[in-house]
Amino acid sequence: MSINVLVQPVDSPDDFTQIYHCISEAFGCQIKESIWIAMNPNWNSSEGQREGASKLLERWQSATKNKEGHPNTVILKATLPNPQDGFKLKIVGAAIWTQASFVDGYGDPPTDSPADLAALTPTERRFASQMYRSLWKRRVSLAREKAKSDSPAMFTLDTCAVDPAFQRRGVARKLVAWGLEEAKRRGGLECTTEASRMGRVVYKRLGFGAEGAGKDLVYEVDEEFRNRDKPEILFMRTWASQ
């Protein structure tokens, strides 16, 4: 495990080229995640890399703030010294944390419909829409439940990716731990995530648990998508408010 991993919020528009590269290496090359690929059809081209970085930059620049003045979307970068480039810091992982709430001033309202669907082909648009509706179903319903409580917000790990060449060095652990500490700083918010089979090992060690029987979510999709590969996802939460 590397002790040199530095995790901090993105502070420059120039970071997003490396960040998107890390995400595409993990989700595109390594695990071939079908939902992500559907939303990023040109990810393995130079043009697709530029488009992906541009979308992340736009998301960062358009982040709203909660009533305390904290950004509702935080994009993190994890860096390591690169000996092949004079030990200049290299971005090797990234995470996106969001403060979600249906109460004004406490976060952004979560949705089960992603942006940018209009850019996809009709078939891929249907596939992505149905998959995300299933993927984010519990996230949305939990936020609605919390809206009626004294703690109407939650801190959600939306994305966590590490370049495969730099995995098993504690990068993912530090990206997740940063969010858990930030949730405490924001008043002890509960954290949630939609965990892949690979990621849930890290999440469990850091205090996340599964609801009920702990079964993977079931995707509700049309017959035309029944045989498509679908990621194994488990909704996990820290139960901070329980």
Protein backbone atom coordinates (compact mmCIF):
# COMPACT_ATOMS: atom_id res chain seq x y z
CA MET A 1 0.00 0.00 0.00
CA SER A 2 1.44 3.37 -0.99
CA ILE A 3 1.80 6.06 1.67
CA ASN A 4 2.42 8.71 -1.01
CA VAL A 5 -1.13 8.86 -2.34
CA LEU A 6 -2.45 12.41 -2.11
CA VAL A 7 -6.23 12.91 -2.35
CA GLN A 8 -7.70 16.37 -2.79
CA PRO A 9 -10.52 18.14 -4.64
CA VAL A 10 -9.80 19.04 -8.23
CA ASP A 11 -8.36 22.54 -8.47
CA SER A 12 -7.63 22.99 -12.17
CA PRO A 13 -9.50 22.47 -15.46
CA ASP A 14 -6.35 20.77 -16.72
CA ASP A 15 -6.94 17.84 -14.35
CA PHE A 16 -9.84 16.39 -16.30
CA THR A 17 -7.87 14.89 -19.19
CA GLN A 18 -6.04 12.60 -16.75
CA ILE A 19 -9.15 11.99 -14.65
CA TYR A 20 -11.23 10.82 -17.60
CA HIS A 21 -8.33 8.63 -18.73
CA CYS A 22 -8.30 6.92 -15.30
CA ILE A 23 -12.05 6.38 -15.39
CA SER A 24 -11.99 4.98 -18.93
CA GLU A 25 -9.10 2.65 -18.12
CA ALA A 26 -11.03 1.25 -15.17
CA PHE A 27 -14.59 1.17 -16.54
CA GLY A 28 -13.86 0.76 -20.23
CA CYS A 29 -10.69 -1.35 -20.50
CA GLN A 30 -10.65 -3.29 -17.24
CA ILE A 31 -14.21 -4.21 -16.31
CA LYS A 32 -16.00 -3.22 -19.53
CA GLU A 33 -18.90 -1.78 -17.55
CA SER A 34 -21.92 -1.87 -19.87
CA ILE A 35 -23.77 1.14 -18.45
CA TRP A 36 -20.71 3.37 -18.55
CA ILE A 37 -19.81 2.25 -22.08
CA ALA A 38 -23.37 2.96 -23.25
CA MET A 39 -23.02 6.51 -21.96
CA ASN A 40 -19.49 6.89 -23.37
CA PRO A 41 -19.65 5.19 -26.80
CA ASN A 42 -16.46 6.86 -28.13
CA TRP A 43 -14.41 6.52 -24.96
CA ASN A 44 -11.53 4.66 -26.64
CA SER A 45 -10.87 7.34 -29.26
CA SER A 46 -8.99 10.64 -28.94
CA GLU A 47 -12.18 12.52 -29.66
CA GLY A 48 -14.07 10.50 -27.06
CA GLN A 49 -11.40 11.21 -24.46
CA ARG A 50 -11.72 14.94 -25.13
CA GLU A 51 -15.52 14.76 -24.95
CA GLY A 52 -15.44 12.83 -21.69
CA ALA A 53 -12.99 15.23 -20.08
CA SER A 54 -15.10 18.18 -21.27
CA LYS A 55 -18.27 16.76 -19.69
CA LEU A 56 -16.50 16.26 -16.37
CA LEU A 57 -15.15 19.80 -16.54
CA GLU A 58 -18.65 21.14 -17.19
CA ARG A 59 -20.01 19.19 -14.23
CA TRP A 60 -17.29 20.61 -11.99
CA GLN A 61 -17.82 24.17 -13.16
CA SER A 62 -21.61 24.00 -12.79
CA ALA A 63 -21.63 22.55 -9.27
CA THR A 64 -24.21 24.13 -6.98
CA LYS A 65 -23.69 24.85 -3.27
CA ASN A 66 -25.67 23.93 -0.19
CA LYS A 67 -26.90 26.40 2.40
CA GLU A 68 -23.54 26.21 4.19
CA GLY A 69 -21.68 27.18 1.03
CA HIS A 70 -20.20 23.74 0.38
CA PRO A 71 -20.29 22.37 -3.19
CA ASN A 72 -22.94 19.71 -3.73
CA THR A 73 -20.63 17.94 -6.19
CA VAL A 74 -17.01 17.30 -5.23
CA ILE A 75 -14.64 15.75 -7.75
CA LEU A 76 -11.53 14.27 -6.16
CA LYS A 77 -8.19 13.42 -7.69
CA ALA A 78 -5.65 10.97 -6.31
CA THR A 79 -2.05 11.63 -7.26
CA LEU A 80 1.26 9.82 -6.98
CA PRO A 81 4.78 11.03 -7.83
CA ASN A 82 5.76 9.80 -11.28
CA PRO A 83 9.48 8.85 -11.40
CA GLN A 84 9.34 8.76 -15.20
CA ASP A 85 8.44 12.47 -15.28
CA GLY A 86 10.78 13.98 -12.72
CA PHE A 87 8.46 12.83 -9.91
CA LYS A 88 5.79 15.22 -11.10
CA LEU A 89 2.41 14.31 -9.62
CA LYS A 90 0.35 12.00 -11.82
CA ILE A 91 -3.40 11.54 -11.42
CA VAL A 92 -4.02 7.83 -10.87
CA GLY A 93 -7.59 7.80 -9.56
CA ALA A 94 -10.70 9.89 -9.11
CA ALA A 95 -13.97 9.97 -7.23
CA ILE A 96 -17.16 12.00 -7.45
CA TRP A 97 -19.10 12.65 -4.23
CA THR A 98 -22.47 14.39 -4.24
CA GLN A 99 -24.61 15.83 -1.46
CA ALA A 100 -28.16 14.76 -2.30
CA SER A 101 -31.44 16.01 -0.88
CA PHE A 102 -34.97 16.89 -1.89
CA VAL A 103 -35.00 19.73 0.66
CA ASP A 104 -33.91 23.13 -0.64
CA GLY A 105 -30.47 24.14 0.54
CA TYR A 106 -29.44 20.66 1.66
CA GLY A 107 -28.20 19.25 -1.64
CA ASP A 108 -29.08 18.49 -5.25
CA PRO A 109 -32.25 16.45 -5.81
CA PRO A 110 -31.17 12.97 -6.97
CA THR A 111 -32.62 11.63 -10.21
CA ASP A 112 -32.95 8.25 -11.86
CA SER A 113 -32.42 9.74 -15.33
CA PRO A 114 -28.89 10.72 -16.40
CA ALA A 115 -28.01 13.73 -18.51
CA ASP A 116 -26.72 13.48 -22.08
CA LEU A 117 -29.09 10.72 -23.21
CA ALA A 118 -30.04 12.76 -26.27
CA ALA A 119 -26.57 12.21 -27.75
CA LEU A 120 -27.01 8.42 -27.86
CA THR A 121 -28.60 6.29 -30.55
CA PRO A 122 -32.27 5.41 -29.88
CA THR A 123 -31.38 1.86 -28.83
CA GLU A 124 -28.57 2.91 -26.49
CA ARG A 125 -30.77 5.68 -25.13
CA ARG A 126 -33.43 3.13 -24.13
CA PHE A 127 -30.83 0.81 -22.64
CA ALA A 128 -29.09 3.51 -20.58
CA SER A 129 -32.38 5.00 -19.40
CA GLN A 130 -33.74 1.66 -18.17
CA MET A 131 -30.47 0.64 -16.55
CA TYR A 132 -30.04 3.90 -14.67
CA ARG A 133 -33.66 3.83 -13.53
CA SER A 134 -32.89 0.54 -11.80
CA LEU A 135 -29.39 1.56 -10.67
CA TRP A 136 -30.46 4.77 -8.94
CA LYS A 137 -33.90 3.65 -7.75
CA ARG A 138 -32.88 3.11 -4.12
CA ARG A 139 -30.74 6.25 -4.05
CA VAL A 140 -33.78 8.32 -5.00
CA SER A 141 -36.20 6.57 -2.64
CA LEU A 142 -33.83 6.88 0.32
CA ALA A 143 -33.41 10.60 -0.34
CA ARG A 144 -37.21 10.94 -0.30
CA GLU A 145 -37.32 9.14 3.03
CA LYS A 146 -34.64 11.41 4.46
CA ALA A 147 -36.49 14.53 3.30
CA LYS A 148 -39.01 13.83 6.07
CA SER A 149 -36.34 13.47 8.77
CA ASP A 150 -34.20 15.84 10.83
CA SER A 151 -31.21 14.94 8.65
CA PRO A 152 -32.59 15.44 5.11
CA ALA A 153 -29.34 14.97 3.16
CA MET A 154 -26.92 12.20 2.33
CA PHE A 155 -23.41 12.11 0.85
CA THR A 156 -23.26 9.78 -2.13
CA LEU A 157 -20.22 8.21 -3.77
CA ASP A 158 -21.27 8.52 -7.39
CA THR A 159 -18.04 7.34 -9.03
CA CYS A 160 -14.78 5.84 -7.82
CA ALA A 161 -12.15 4.71 -10.31
CA VAL A 162 -8.45 3.90 -10.15
CA ASP A 163 -6.18 3.38 -13.14
CA PRO A 164 -5.57 -0.41 -13.20
CA ALA A 165 -1.83 0.23 -13.38
CA PHE A 166 -1.99 1.82 -9.91
CA GLN A 167 -4.49 -0.40 -8.13
CA ARG A 168 -3.74 -2.21 -4.85
CA ARG A 169 -1.83 0.78 -3.51
CA GLY A 170 -4.57 2.14 -1.27
CA VAL A 171 -5.80 4.72 -3.78
CA ALA A 172 -9.47 3.72 -3.71
CA ARG A 173 -9.43 3.47 0.07
CA LYS A 174 -8.21 7.05 0.38
CA LEU A 175 -10.74 8.36 -2.14
CA VAL A 176 -13.54 6.77 -0.13
CA ALA A 177 -12.12 7.76 3.25
CA TRP A 178 -11.96 11.41 2.16
CA GLY A 179 -15.69 11.36 1.46
CA LEU A 180 -16.50 9.71 4.79
CA GLU A 181 -14.57 12.40 6.64
CA GLU A 182 -16.20 15.15 4.59
CA ALA A 183 -19.62 13.72 5.45
CA LYS A 184 -18.72 14.07 9.14
CA ARG A 185 -17.60 17.67 8.57
CA ARG A 186 -20.94 18.38 6.94
CA GLY A 187 -22.88 17.45 10.05
CA GLY A 188 -22.60 13.68 10.18
CA LEU A 189 -24.31 12.85 6.91
CA GLU A 190 -24.95 9.23 6.00
CA CYS A 191 -22.98 7.99 3.00
CA THR A 192 -24.34 5.75 0.25
CA THR A 193 -23.05 4.15 -2.91
CA GLU A 194 -23.95 1.70 -5.65
CA ALA A 195 -21.13 -0.78 -5.18
CA SER A 196 -19.58 -3.01 -7.82
CA ARG A 197 -18.39 -6.47 -6.82
CA MET A 198 -14.79 -5.24 -6.85
CA GLY A 199 -15.45 -2.00 -4.97
CA ARG A 200 -17.69 -3.33 -2.21
CA VAL A 201 -14.76 -5.01 -0.46
CA VAL A 202 -13.20 -1.59 0.17
CA TYR A 203 -16.52 -0.03 1.13
CA LYS A 204 -17.31 -2.73 3.67
CA ARG A 205 -13.95 -2.28 5.36
CA LEU A 206 -14.64 1.43 5.72
CA GLY A 207 -18.04 1.01 7.34
CA PHE A 208 -20.58 0.56 4.55
CA GLY A 209 -23.19 -2.16 4.85
CA ALA A 210 -25.91 -3.62 2.66
CA GLU A 211 -29.60 -3.34 3.36
CA GLY A 212 -31.78 -6.36 4.13
CA ALA A 213 -30.53 -9.61 2.64
CA GLY A 214 -27.75 -7.79 0.82
CA LYS A 215 -28.73 -8.95 -2.64
CA ASP A 216 -27.56 -7.34 -5.87
CA LEU A 217 -30.11 -5.09 -7.54
CA VAL A 218 -32.37 -6.48 -10.25
CA TYR A 219 -32.44 -4.53 -13.50
CA GLU A 220 -35.89 -3.87 -14.92
CA VAL A 221 -35.28 -3.77 -18.67
CA ASP A 222 -37.16 -4.60 -21.86
CA GLU A 223 -36.79 -7.97 -23.54
CA GLU A 224 -34.37 -6.57 -26.12
CA PHE A 225 -31.81 -5.99 -23.36
CA ARG A 226 -32.29 -9.19 -21.36
CA ASN A 227 -29.10 -10.81 -22.67
CA ARG A 228 -26.85 -7.79 -22.38
CA ASP A 229 -24.07 -7.81 -19.81
CA LYS A 230 -25.11 -5.99 -16.67
CA PRO A 231 -22.84 -5.04 -13.76
CA GLU A 232 -23.41 -6.65 -10.39
CA ILE A 233 -24.37 -3.77 -8.11
CA LEU A 234 -25.17 -3.69 -4.40
CA PHE A 235 -26.67 -0.62 -2.71
CA MET A 236 -24.63 0.15 0.42
CA ARG A 237 -24.92 2.76 3.15
CA THR A 238 -23.14 3.74 6.36
CA TRP A 239 -26.27 4.00 8.52
CA ALA A 240 -24.78 7.09 10.15
CA SER A 241 -28.17 8.39 11.18
CA GLN A 242 -29.42 5.11 12.68
